Each structure stands twice: as C-alpha cells, then as structure tokens.
Amino acid sequence: LAERLGTDPDKGLPNPVSDWAERVKTFGENKFEERKMTPYYVYLIDQLKEKIILLLIFLATVELVLKGLIGYGDERSEAFAESSVLYMTVTIIVNIAAFL
C-alpha cells in the first residue's frame, strides 16, 4: 500500500513533496468538511413547539390568571408560587432538551 501511495512507511512523505498538487487532486485534502453550526436559539424554538411544553405554559398562565386575579387570600400567593415553579420547570426542560 505504501508503494502504491508513493511513500515510505517509516519516514512518511518526502520533504518537499514533488507531486503535491497531483496527490491533492487524487486523494483530496487532509481536512474534515466544515459544517455550519446551528445556533442555540433554533434548538430552543424547536423545543417550545412541543405540545407538552405548550400545555405546561398554558396551564401555568391559566392558574396565574384564575387564582392570582380571582382567588382569595392564600390562593393568590399560592398561584404565584405554583405558576413560577411551572415556568421555571419549563425553562429547565427546554434548555436541557435543546442542549441534548
């Protein structure tokens, strides 16, 4: 195989390589193909399109509106706490899912 490639198994290619352009044309450059990175916000938007995430956001908002505005006494403070926990949970789930 080394003879077919015109190299020495112990020393490698001669320096300088006289047929470099031909080698690049035949075998290609010794590089990986560069891929464009997808921005993180694209993954976040994709996760926010999930039905379960939308349902959690909707339920947190409904609870905040119904209990927070219409509720009495302790219900109001509980509504803000429970809704905040749901919003934080959605934030954590979306970020973890987007990262994976």
PDB file of N, CA and C in Angstrom:
ATOM      1  N   LEU A   1       0.831  -1.188   0.000  1.00  0.00           N
ATOM      2  CA  LEU A   1       0.000   0.000   0.000  1.00  0.00           C
ATOM      3  C   LEU A   1       0.879   1.256   0.000  1.00  0.00           C
ATOM      4  N   ALA A   2       1.939   1.222   0.785  1.00  0.00           N
ATOM      5  CA  ALA A   2       2.841   2.379   0.844  1.00  0.00           C
ATOM      6  C   ALA A   2       3.467   2.650  -0.526  1.00  0.00           C
ATOM      7  N   GLU A   3       3.815   1.576  -1.234  1.00  0.00           N
ATOM      8  CA  GLU A   3       4.395   1.758  -2.567  1.00  0.00           C
ATOM      9  C   GLU A   3       3.379   2.370  -3.523  1.00  0.00           C
ATOM     10  N   ARG A   4       2.137   1.915  -3.440  1.00  0.00           N
ATOM     11  CA  ARG A   4       1.082   2.459  -4.305  1.00  0.00           C
ATOM     12  C   ARG A   4       0.873   3.948  -4.044  1.00  0.00           C
ATOM     13  N   LEU A   5       1.015   4.347  -2.789  1.00  0.00           N
ATOM     14  CA  LEU A   5       0.823   5.748  -2.439  1.00  0.00           C
ATOM     15  C   LEU A   5       2.092   6.581  -2.616  1.00  0.00           C
ATOM     16  N   GLY A   6       3.204   5.925  -2.898  1.00  0.00           N
ATOM     17  CA  GLY A   6       4.454   6.640  -3.128  1.00  0.00           C
ATOM     18  C   GLY A   6       5.043   7.226  -1.863  1.00  0.00           C
ATOM     19  N   THR A   7       5.009   6.442  -0.787  1.00  0.00           N
ATOM     20  CA  THR A   7       5.546   6.916   0.488  1.00  0.00           C
ATOM     21  C   THR A   7       6.345   5.816   1.160  1.00  0.00           C
ATOM     22  N   ASP A   8       7.065   6.174   2.183  1.00  0.00           N
ATOM     23  CA  ASP A   8       7.848   5.223   2.971  1.00  0.00           C
ATOM     24  C   ASP A   8       7.121   5.020   4.303  1.00  0.00           C
ATOM     25  N   PRO A   9       6.856   3.754   4.725  1.00  0.00           N
ATOM     26  CA  PRO A   9       6.116   3.516   5.971  1.00  0.00           C
ATOM     27  C   PRO A   9       6.843   4.035   7.211  1.00  0.00           C
ATOM     28  N   ASP A  10       8.161   4.133   7.176  1.00  0.00           N
ATOM     29  CA  ASP A  10       8.919   4.596   8.342  1.00  0.00           C
ATOM     30  C   ASP A  10       9.112   6.117   8.349  1.00  0.00           C
ATOM     31  N   LYS A  11       9.380   6.690   7.181  1.00  0.00           N
ATOM     32  CA  LYS A  11       9.707   8.114   7.109  1.00  0.00           C
ATOM     33  C   LYS A  11       8.538   8.989   6.660  1.00  0.00           C
ATOM     34  N   GLY A  12       7.520   8.419   6.054  1.00  0.00           N
ATOM     35  CA  GLY A  12       6.393   9.206   5.557  1.00  0.00           C
ATOM     36  C   GLY A  12       6.684   9.770   4.187  1.00  0.00           C
ATOM     37  N   LEU A  13       6.046  10.847   3.851  1.00  0.00           N
ATOM     38  CA  LEU A  13       6.239  11.502   2.555  1.00  0.00           C
ATOM     39  C   LEU A  13       7.588  12.220   2.524  1.00  0.00           C
ATOM     40  N   PRO A  14       8.216  12.286   1.358  1.00  0.00           N
ATOM     41  CA  PRO A  14       9.471  13.043   1.258  1.00  0.00           C
ATOM     42  C   PRO A  14       9.194  14.535   1.442  1.00  0.00           C
ATOM     43  N   ASN A  15      10.216  15.251   1.897  1.00  0.00           N
ATOM     44  CA  ASN A  15      10.042  16.668   2.125  1.00  0.00           C
ATOM     45  C   ASN A  15      10.952  17.434   1.185  1.00  0.00           C
ATOM     46  N   PRO A  16      10.581  18.238   0.310  1.00  0.00           N
ATOM     47  CA  PRO A  16       9.206  18.603  -0.048  1.00  0.00           C
ATOM     48  C   PRO A  16       8.603  17.566  -0.998  1.00  0.00           C
ATOM     49  N   VAL A  17       7.296  17.491  -0.999  1.00  0.00           N
ATOM     50  CA  VAL A  17       6.583  16.541  -1.865  1.00  0.00           C
ATOM     51  C   VAL A  17       6.518  17.145  -3.255  1.00  0.00           C
ATOM     52  N   SER A  18       7.085  16.446  -4.203  1.00  0.00           N
ATOM     53  CA  SER A  18       7.177  16.991  -5.563  1.00  0.00           C
ATOM     54  C   SER A  18       5.839  16.934  -6.303  1.00  0.00           C
ATOM     55  N   ASP A  19       4.997  15.961  -5.973  1.00  0.00           N
ATOM     56  CA  ASP A  19       3.731  15.804  -6.702  1.00  0.00           C
ATOM     57  C   ASP A  19       2.528  16.159  -5.814  1.00  0.00           C
ATOM     58  N   TRP A  20       2.683  17.217  -5.033  1.00  0.00           N
ATOM     59  CA  TRP A  20       1.649  17.603  -4.069  1.00  0.00           C
ATOM     60  C   TRP A  20       0.307  17.907  -4.748  1.00  0.00           C
ATOM     61  N   ALA A  21       0.312  18.666  -5.816  1.00  0.00           N
ATOM     62  CA  ALA A  21      -0.935  19.040  -6.499  1.00  0.00           C
ATOM     63  C   ALA A  21      -1.647  17.803  -7.034  1.00  0.00           C
ATOM     64  N   GLU A  22      -0.882  16.863  -7.547  1.00  0.00           N
ATOM     65  CA  GLU A  22      -1.478  15.625  -8.075  1.00  0.00           C
ATOM     66  C   GLU A  22      -2.082  14.798  -6.934  1.00  0.00           C
ATOM     67  N   ARG A  23      -1.394  14.737  -5.795  1.00  0.00           N
ATOM     68  CA  ARG A  23      -1.904  13.998  -4.645  1.00  0.00           C
ATOM     69  C   ARG A  23      -3.215  14.611  -4.122  1.00  0.00           C
ATOM     70  N   VAL A  24      -3.250  15.929  -4.054  1.00  0.00           N
ATOM     71  CA  VAL A  24      -4.467  16.594  -3.586  1.00  0.00           C
ATOM     72  C   VAL A  24      -5.607  16.329  -4.554  1.00  0.00           C
ATOM     73  N   LYS A  25      -5.304  16.354  -5.838  1.00  0.00           N
ATOM     74  CA  LYS A  25      -6.329  16.097  -6.852  1.00  0.00           C
ATOM     75  C   LYS A  25      -6.828  14.655  -6.756  1.00  0.00           C
ATOM     76  N   THR A  26      -5.927  13.711  -6.527  1.00  0.00           N
ATOM     77  CA  THR A  26      -6.292  12.294  -6.477  1.00  0.00           C
ATOM     78  C   THR A  26      -6.972  11.908  -5.167  1.00  0.00           C
ATOM     79  N   PHE A  27      -6.356  12.279  -4.032  1.00  0.00           N
ATOM     80  CA  PHE A  27      -6.816  11.808  -2.721  1.00  0.00           C
ATOM     81  C   PHE A  27      -7.621  12.842  -1.944  1.00  0.00           C
ATOM     82  N   GLY A  28      -7.563  14.077  -2.380  1.00  0.00           N
ATOM     83  CA  GLY A  28      -8.251  15.144  -1.661  1.00  0.00           C
ATOM     84  C   GLY A  28      -7.364  15.697  -0.556  1.00  0.00           C
ATOM     85  N   GLU A  29      -7.781  16.837   0.000  1.00  0.00           N
ATOM     86  CA  GLU A  29      -7.015  17.445   1.077  1.00  0.00           C
ATOM     87  C   GLU A  29      -7.233  16.670   2.364  1.00  0.00           C
ATOM     88  N   ASN A  30      -6.291  16.761   3.246  1.00  0.00           N
ATOM     89  CA  ASN A  30      -6.364  16.054   4.518  1.00  0.00           C
ATOM     90  C   ASN A  30      -7.095  16.928   5.541  1.00  0.00           C
ATOM     91  N   LYS A  31      -8.382  17.181   5.255  1.00  0.00           N
ATOM     92  CA  LYS A  31      -9.200  18.030   6.112  1.00  0.00           C
ATOM     93  C   LYS A  31     -10.580  17.422   6.276  1.00  0.00           C
ATOM     94  N   PHE A  32     -11.201  17.742   7.403  1.00  0.00           N
ATOM     95  CA  PHE A  32     -12.602  17.403   7.586  1.00  0.00           C
ATOM     96  C   PHE A  32     -13.447  18.486   6.946  1.00  0.00           C
ATOM     97  N   GLU A  33     -14.600  18.096   6.481  1.00  0.00           N
ATOM     98  CA  GLU A  33     -15.526  19.060   5.903  1.00  0.00           C
ATOM     99  C   GLU A  33     -16.077  19.953   7.016  1.00  0.00           C
ATOM    100  N   GLU A  34     -16.031  21.256   6.801  1.00  0.00           N
ATOM    101  CA  GLU A  34     -16.546  22.175   7.804  1.00  0.00           C
ATOM    102  C   GLU A  34     -18.055  22.264   7.672  1.00  0.00           C
ATOM    103  N   ARG A  35     -18.730  22.123   8.828  1.00  0.00           N
ATOM    104  CA  ARG A  35     -20.179  22.211   8.830  1.00  0.00           C
ATOM    105  C   ARG A  35     -20.595  23.485   9.549  1.00  0.00           C
ATOM    106  N   LYS A  36     -21.673  24.061   9.095  1.00  0.00           N
ATOM    107  CA  LYS A  36     -22.189  25.268   9.724  1.00  0.00           C
ATOM    108  C   LYS A  36     -22.891  24.869  11.022  1.00  0.00           C
ATOM    109  N   MET A  37     -22.563  25.584  12.095  1.00  0.00           N
ATOM    110  CA  MET A  37     -23.163  25.304  13.395  1.00  0.00           C
ATOM    111  C   MET A  37     -24.572  25.885  13.451  1.00  0.00           C
ATOM    112  N   THR A  38     -25.476  25.142  14.068  1.00  0.00           N
ATOM    113  CA  THR A  38     -26.830  25.622  14.265  1.00  0.00           C
ATOM    114  C   THR A  38     -26.877  26.440  15.553  1.00  0.00           C
ATOM    115  N   PRO A  39     -27.420  27.657  15.500  1.00  0.00           N
ATOM    116  CA  PRO A  39     -27.476  28.484  16.713  1.00  0.00           C
ATOM    117  C   PRO A  39     -28.349  27.841  17.794  1.00  0.00           C
ATOM    118  N   TYR A  40     -28.023  28.144  19.038  1.00  0.00           N
ATOM    119  CA  TYR A  40     -28.725  27.559  20.186  1.00  0.00           C
ATOM    120  C   TYR A  40     -30.199  27.955  20.220  1.00  0.00           C
ATOM    121  N   TYR A  41     -30.490  29.195  19.802  1.00  0.00           N
ATOM    122  CA  TYR A  41     -31.881  29.649  19.850  1.00  0.00           C
ATOM    123  C   TYR A  41     -32.784  28.846  18.914  1.00  0.00           C
ATOM    124  N   VAL A  42     -32.231  28.272  17.854  1.00  0.00           N
ATOM    125  CA  VAL A  42     -33.027  27.435  16.951  1.00  0.00           C
ATOM    126  C   VAL A  42     -33.493  26.181  17.685  1.00  0.00           C
ATOM    127  N   TYR A  43     -32.603  25.596  18.488  1.00  0.00           N
ATOM    128  CA  TYR A  43     -32.981  24.431  19.283  1.00  0.00           C
ATOM    129  C   TYR A  43     -34.025  24.798  20.334  1.00  0.00           C
ATOM    130  N   LEU A  44     -33.897  25.980  20.936  1.00  0.00           N
ATOM    131  CA  LEU A  44     -34.882  26.427  21.920  1.00  0.00           C
ATOM    132  C   LEU A  44     -36.263  26.591  21.287  1.00  0.00           C
ATOM    133  N   ILE A  45     -36.299  27.209  20.118  1.00  0.00           N
ATOM    134  CA  ILE A  45     -37.580  27.401  19.431  1.00  0.00           C
ATOM    135  C   ILE A  45     -38.200  26.062  19.068  1.00  0.00           C
ATOM    136  N   ASP A  46     -37.374  25.116  18.625  1.00  0.00           N
ATOM    137  CA  ASP A  46     -37.889  23.787  18.302  1.00  0.00           C
ATOM    138  C   ASP A  46     -38.514  23.127  19.526  1.00  0.00           C
ATOM    139  N   GLN A  47     -37.876  23.292  20.678  1.00  0.00           N
ATOM    140  CA  GLN A  47     -38.416  22.690  21.900  1.00  0.00           C
ATOM    141  C   GLN A  47     -39.694  23.380  22.352  1.00  0.00           C
ATOM    142  N   LEU A  48     -39.804  24.670  22.118  1.00  0.00           N
ATOM    143  CA  LEU A  48     -41.012  25.397  22.509  1.00  0.00           C
ATOM    144  C   LEU A  48     -42.207  25.055  21.630  1.00  0.00           C
ATOM    145  N   LYS A  49     -41.985  24.349  20.544  1.00  0.00           N
ATOM    146  CA  LYS A  49     -43.076  23.906  19.678  1.00  0.00           C
ATOM    147  C   LYS A  49     -43.681  22.581  20.143  1.00  0.00           C
ATOM    148  N   GLU A  50     -43.063  21.944  21.128  1.00  0.00           N
ATOM    149  CA  GLU A  50     -43.566  20.672  21.643  1.00  0.00           C
ATOM    150  C   GLU A  50     -44.899  20.883  22.354  1.00  0.00           C
ATOM    151  N   LYS A  51     -45.820  19.963  22.144  1.00  0.00           N
ATOM    152  CA  LYS A  51     -47.169  20.112  22.706  1.00  0.00           C
ATOM    153  C   LYS A  51     -47.179  20.098  24.229  1.00  0.00           C
ATOM    154  N   ILE A  52     -46.374  19.265  24.846  1.00  0.00           N
ATOM    155  CA  ILE A  52     -46.370  19.183  26.307  1.00  0.00           C
ATOM    156  C   ILE A  52     -45.831  20.469  26.920  1.00  0.00           C
ATOM    157  N   ILE A  53     -44.852  21.083  26.279  1.00  0.00           N
ATOM    158  CA  ILE A  53     -44.299  22.347  26.765  1.00  0.00           C
ATOM    159  C   ILE A  53     -45.345  23.446  26.631  1.00  0.00           C
ATOM    160  N   LEU A  54     -46.006  23.489  25.493  1.00  0.00           N
ATOM    161  CA  LEU A  54     -47.071  24.473  25.299  1.00  0.00           C
ATOM    162  C   LEU A  54     -48.191  24.282  26.320  1.00  0.00           C
ATOM    163  N   LEU A  55     -48.513  23.032  26.616  1.00  0.00           N
ATOM    164  CA  LEU A  55     -49.549  22.740  27.607  1.00  0.00           C
ATOM    165  C   LEU A  55     -49.133  23.221  28.993  1.00  0.00           C
ATOM    166  N   LEU A  56     -47.895  22.991  29.380  1.00  0.00           N
ATOM    167  CA  LEU A  56     -47.421  23.455  30.682  1.00  0.00           C
ATOM    168  C   LEU A  56     -47.442  24.979  30.784  1.00  0.00           C
ATOM    169  N   ILE A  57     -47.030  25.655  29.731  1.00  0.00           N
ATOM    170  CA  ILE A  57     -47.056  27.121  29.731  1.00  0.00           C
ATOM    171  C   ILE A  57     -48.501  27.628  29.825  1.00  0.00           C
ATOM    172  N   PHE A  58     -49.383  27.004  29.067  1.00  0.00           N
ATOM    173  CA  PHE A  58     -50.797  27.388  29.090  1.00  0.00           C
ATOM    174  C   PHE A  58     -51.400  27.179  30.474  1.00  0.00           C
ATOM    175  N   LEU A  59     -51.148  26.025  31.078  1.00  0.00           N
ATOM    176  CA  LEU A  59     -51.711  25.742  32.399  1.00  0.00           C
ATOM    177  C   LEU A  59     -51.147  26.681  33.462  1.00  0.00           C
ATOM    178  N   ALA A  60     -49.875  27.006  33.383  1.00  0.00           N
ATOM    179  CA  ALA A  60     -49.291  27.935  34.346  1.00  0.00           C
ATOM    180  C   ALA A  60     -49.932  29.311  34.204  1.00  0.00           C
ATOM    181  N   THR A  61     -50.173  29.725  32.975  1.00  0.00           N
ATOM    182  CA  THR A  61     -50.787  31.025  32.742  1.00  0.00           C
ATOM    183  C   THR A  61     -52.234  31.042  33.219  1.00  0.00           C
ATOM    184  N   VAL A  62     -52.981  29.976  32.939  1.00  0.00           N
ATOM    185  CA  VAL A  62     -54.373  29.890  33.391  1.00  0.00           C
ATOM    186  C   VAL A  62     -54.435  29.922  34.914  1.00  0.00           C
ATOM    187  N   GLU A  63     -53.570  29.170  35.561  1.00  0.00           N
ATOM    188  CA  GLU A  63     -53.561  29.161  37.026  1.00  0.00           C
ATOM    189  C   GLU A  63     -53.207  30.538  37.577  1.00  0.00           C
ATOM    190  N   LEU A  64     -52.255  31.186  36.965  1.00  0.00           N
ATOM    191  CA  LEU A  64     -51.860  32.518  37.417  1.00  0.00           C
ATOM    192  C   LEU A  64     -53.014  33.506  37.270  1.00  0.00           C
ATOM    193  N   VAL A  65     -53.717  33.435  36.144  1.00  0.00           N
ATOM    194  CA  VAL A  65     -54.829  34.363  35.913  1.00  0.00           C
ATOM    195  C   VAL A  65     -56.000  34.049  36.827  1.00  0.00           C
ATOM    196  N   LEU A  66     -56.421  32.790  36.874  1.00  0.00           N
ATOM    197  CA  LEU A  66     -57.621  32.444  37.649  1.00  0.00           C
ATOM    198  C   LEU A  66     -57.408  32.571  39.150  1.00  0.00           C
ATOM    199  N   LYS A  67     -56.361  31.953  39.652  1.00  0.00           N
ATOM    200  CA  LYS A  67     -56.133  32.003  41.091  1.00  0.00           C
ATOM    201  C   LYS A  67     -55.521  33.333  41.525  1.00  0.00           C
ATOM    202  N   GLY A  68     -54.657  33.896  40.694  1.00  0.00           N
ATOM    203  CA  GLY A  68     -53.969  35.126  41.076  1.00  0.00           C
ATOM    204  C   GLY A  68     -54.851  36.349  41.041  1.00  0.00           C
ATOM    205  N   LEU A  69     -55.761  36.413  40.089  1.00  0.00           N
ATOM    206  CA  LEU A  69     -56.611  37.596  39.967  1.00  0.00           C
ATOM    207  C   LEU A  69     -57.985  37.418  40.601  1.00  0.00           C
ATOM    208  N   ILE A  70     -58.512  36.219  40.536  1.00  0.00           N
ATOM    209  CA  ILE A  70     -59.864  35.977  41.028  1.00  0.00           C
ATOM    210  C   ILE A  70     -59.856  35.331  42.412  1.00  0.00           C
ATOM    211  N   GLY A  71     -58.776  34.642  42.753  1.00  0.00           N
ATOM    212  CA  GLY A  71     -58.712  33.899  44.012  1.00  0.00           C
ATOM    213  C   GLY A  71     -58.723  34.795  45.239  1.00  0.00           C
ATOM    214  N   TYR A  72     -58.911  34.193  46.394  1.00  0.00           N
ATOM    215  CA  TYR A  72     -58.978  34.908  47.665  1.00  0.00           C
ATOM    216  C   TYR A  72     -57.809  34.524  48.559  1.00  0.00           C
ATOM    217  N   GLY A  73     -57.274  35.472  49.256  1.00  0.00           N
ATOM    218  CA  GLY A  73     -56.291  35.254  50.312  1.00  0.00           C
ATOM    219  C   GLY A  73     -55.090  34.426  49.908  1.00  0.00           C
ATOM    220  N   ASP A  74     -54.993  33.241  50.528  1.00  0.00           N
ATOM    221  CA  ASP A  74     -53.839  32.365  50.298  1.00  0.00           C
ATOM    222  C   ASP A  74     -53.764  31.837  48.874  1.00  0.00           C
ATOM    223  N   GLU A  75     -54.906  31.740  48.221  1.00  0.00           N
ATOM    224  CA  GLU A  75     -54.906  31.240  46.839  1.00  0.00           C
ATOM    225  C   GLU A  75     -54.049  32.129  45.939  1.00  0.00           C
ATOM    226  N   ARG A  76     -54.072  33.429  46.182  1.00  0.00           N
ATOM    227  CA  ARG A  76     -53.293  34.348  45.350  1.00  0.00           C
ATOM    228  C   ARG A  76     -51.796  34.100  45.495  1.00  0.00           C
ATOM    229  N   SER A  77     -51.327  33.986  46.721  1.00  0.00           N
ATOM    230  CA  SER A  77     -49.892  33.756  46.915  1.00  0.00           C
ATOM    231  C   SER A  77     -49.491  32.373  46.416  1.00  0.00           C
ATOM    232  N   GLU A  78     -50.371  31.399  46.593  1.00  0.00           N
ATOM    233  CA  GLU A  78     -50.081  30.055  46.078  1.00  0.00           C
ATOM    234  C   GLU A  78     -50.044  30.061  44.554  1.00  0.00           C
ATOM    235  N   ALA A  79     -50.915  30.827  43.922  1.00  0.00           N
ATOM    236  CA  ALA A  79     -50.961  30.878  42.461  1.00  0.00           C
ATOM    237  C   ALA A  79     -49.641  31.395  41.899  1.00  0.00           C
ATOM    238  N   PHE A  80     -49.107  32.445  42.500  1.00  0.00           N
ATOM    239  CA  PHE A  80     -47.837  32.982  42.019  1.00  0.00           C
ATOM    240  C   PHE A  80     -46.708  31.983  42.230  1.00  0.00           C
ATOM    241  N   ALA A  81     -46.711  31.313  43.360  1.00  0.00           N
ATOM    242  CA  ALA A  81     -45.654  30.329  43.643  1.00  0.00           C
ATOM    243  C   ALA A  81     -45.748  29.141  42.688  1.00  0.00           C
ATOM    244  N   GLU A  82     -46.958  28.591  42.535  1.00  0.00           N
ATOM    245  CA  GLU A  82     -47.133  27.417  41.672  1.00  0.00           C
ATOM    246  C   GLU A  82     -46.850  27.758  40.205  1.00  0.00           C
ATOM    247  N   SER A  83     -47.308  28.906  39.757  1.00  0.00           N
ATOM    248  CA  SER A  83     -47.054  29.309  38.372  1.00  0.00           C
ATOM    249  C   SER A  83     -45.565  29.543  38.141  1.00  0.00           C
ATOM    250  N   SER A  84     -44.911  30.157  39.105  1.00  0.00           N
ATOM    251  CA  SER A  84     -43.466  30.391  38.976  1.00  0.00           C
ATOM    252  C   SER A  84     -42.705  29.085  38.873  1.00  0.00           C
ATOM    253  N   VAL A  85     -43.106  28.109  39.676  1.00  0.00           N
ATOM    254  CA  VAL A  85     -42.457  26.793  39.623  1.00  0.00           C
ATOM    255  C   VAL A  85     -42.683  26.143  38.263  1.00  0.00           C
ATOM    256  N   LEU A  86     -43.887  26.246  37.730  1.00  0.00           N
ATOM    257  CA  LEU A  86     -44.157  25.674  36.402  1.00  0.00           C
ATOM    258  C   LEU A  86     -43.331  26.371  35.323  1.00  0.00           C
ATOM    259  N   TYR A  87     -43.251  27.689  35.378  1.00  0.00           N
ATOM    260  CA  TYR A  87     -42.446  28.418  34.385  1.00  0.00           C
ATOM    261  C   TYR A  87     -40.961  28.043  34.492  1.00  0.00           C
ATOM    262  N   MET A  88     -40.459  27.925  35.703  1.00  0.00           N
ATOM    263  CA  MET A  88     -39.054  27.530  35.884  1.00  0.00           C
ATOM    264  C   MET A  88     -38.825  26.106  35.389  1.00  0.00           C
ATOM    265  N   THR A  89     -39.781  25.217  35.647  1.00  0.00           N
ATOM    266  CA  THR A  89     -39.664  23.840  35.179  1.00  0.00           C
ATOM    267  C   THR A  89     -39.615  23.795  33.657  1.00  0.00           C
ATOM    268  N   VAL A  90     -40.483  24.549  33.012  1.00  0.00           N
ATOM    269  CA  VAL A  90     -40.484  24.609  31.548  1.00  0.00           C
ATOM    270  C   VAL A  90     -39.148  25.142  31.040  1.00  0.00           C
ATOM    271  N   THR A  91     -38.633  26.179  31.697  1.00  0.00           N
ATOM    272  CA  THR A  91     -37.346  26.748  31.291  1.00  0.00           C
ATOM    273  C   THR A  91     -36.232  25.720  31.391  1.00  0.00           C
ATOM    274  N   ILE A  92     -36.200  24.981  32.472  1.00  0.00           N
ATOM    275  CA  ILE A  92     -35.167  23.958  32.660  1.00  0.00           C
ATOM    276  C   ILE A  92     -35.306  22.845  31.624  1.00  0.00           C
ATOM    277  N   ILE A  93     -36.535  22.364  31.432  1.00  0.00           N
ATOM    278  CA  ILE A  93     -36.768  21.256  30.477  1.00  0.00           C
ATOM    279  C   ILE A  93     -36.378  21.687  29.068  1.00  0.00           C
ATOM    280  N   VAL A  94     -36.785  22.881  28.668  1.00  0.00           N
ATOM    281  CA  VAL A  94     -36.491  23.355  27.315  1.00  0.00           C
ATOM    282  C   VAL A  94     -34.997  23.491  27.103  1.00  0.00           C
ATOM    283  N   ASN A  95     -34.285  24.035  28.078  1.00  0.00           N
ATOM    284  CA  ASN A  95     -32.838  24.195  27.936  1.00  0.00           C
ATOM    285  C   ASN A  95     -32.104  22.870  27.920  1.00  0.00           C
ATOM    286  N   ILE A  96     -32.525  21.926  28.741  1.00  0.00           N
ATOM    287  CA  ILE A  96     -31.893  20.612  28.724  1.00  0.00           C
ATOM    288  C   ILE A  96     -32.150  19.896  27.414  1.00  0.00           C
ATOM    289  N   ALA A  97     -33.382  19.925  26.952  1.00  0.00           N
ATOM    290  CA  ALA A  97     -33.723  19.259  25.690  1.00  0.00           C
ATOM    291  C   ALA A  97     -33.010  19.909  24.516  1.00  0.00           C
ATOM    292  N   ALA A  98     -32.873  21.237  24.538  1.00  0.00           N
ATOM    293  CA  ALA A  98     -32.178  21.920  23.441  1.00  0.00           C
ATOM    294  C   ALA A  98     -30.694  21.596  23.460  1.00  0.00           C
ATOM    295  N   PHE A  99     -30.139  21.399  24.649  1.00  0.00           N
ATOM    296  CA  PHE A  99     -28.721  21.069  24.766  1.00  0.00           C
ATOM    297  C   PHE A  99     -28.429  19.671  24.238  1.00  0.00           C
ATOM    298  N   LEU A 100     -29.346  18.750  24.454  1.00  0.00           N
ATOM    299  CA  LEU A 100     -29.126  17.370  24.016  1.00  0.00           C
ATOM    300  C   LEU A 100     -29.395  17.283  22.550  1.00  0.00           C
TER     301      LEU A 100
END
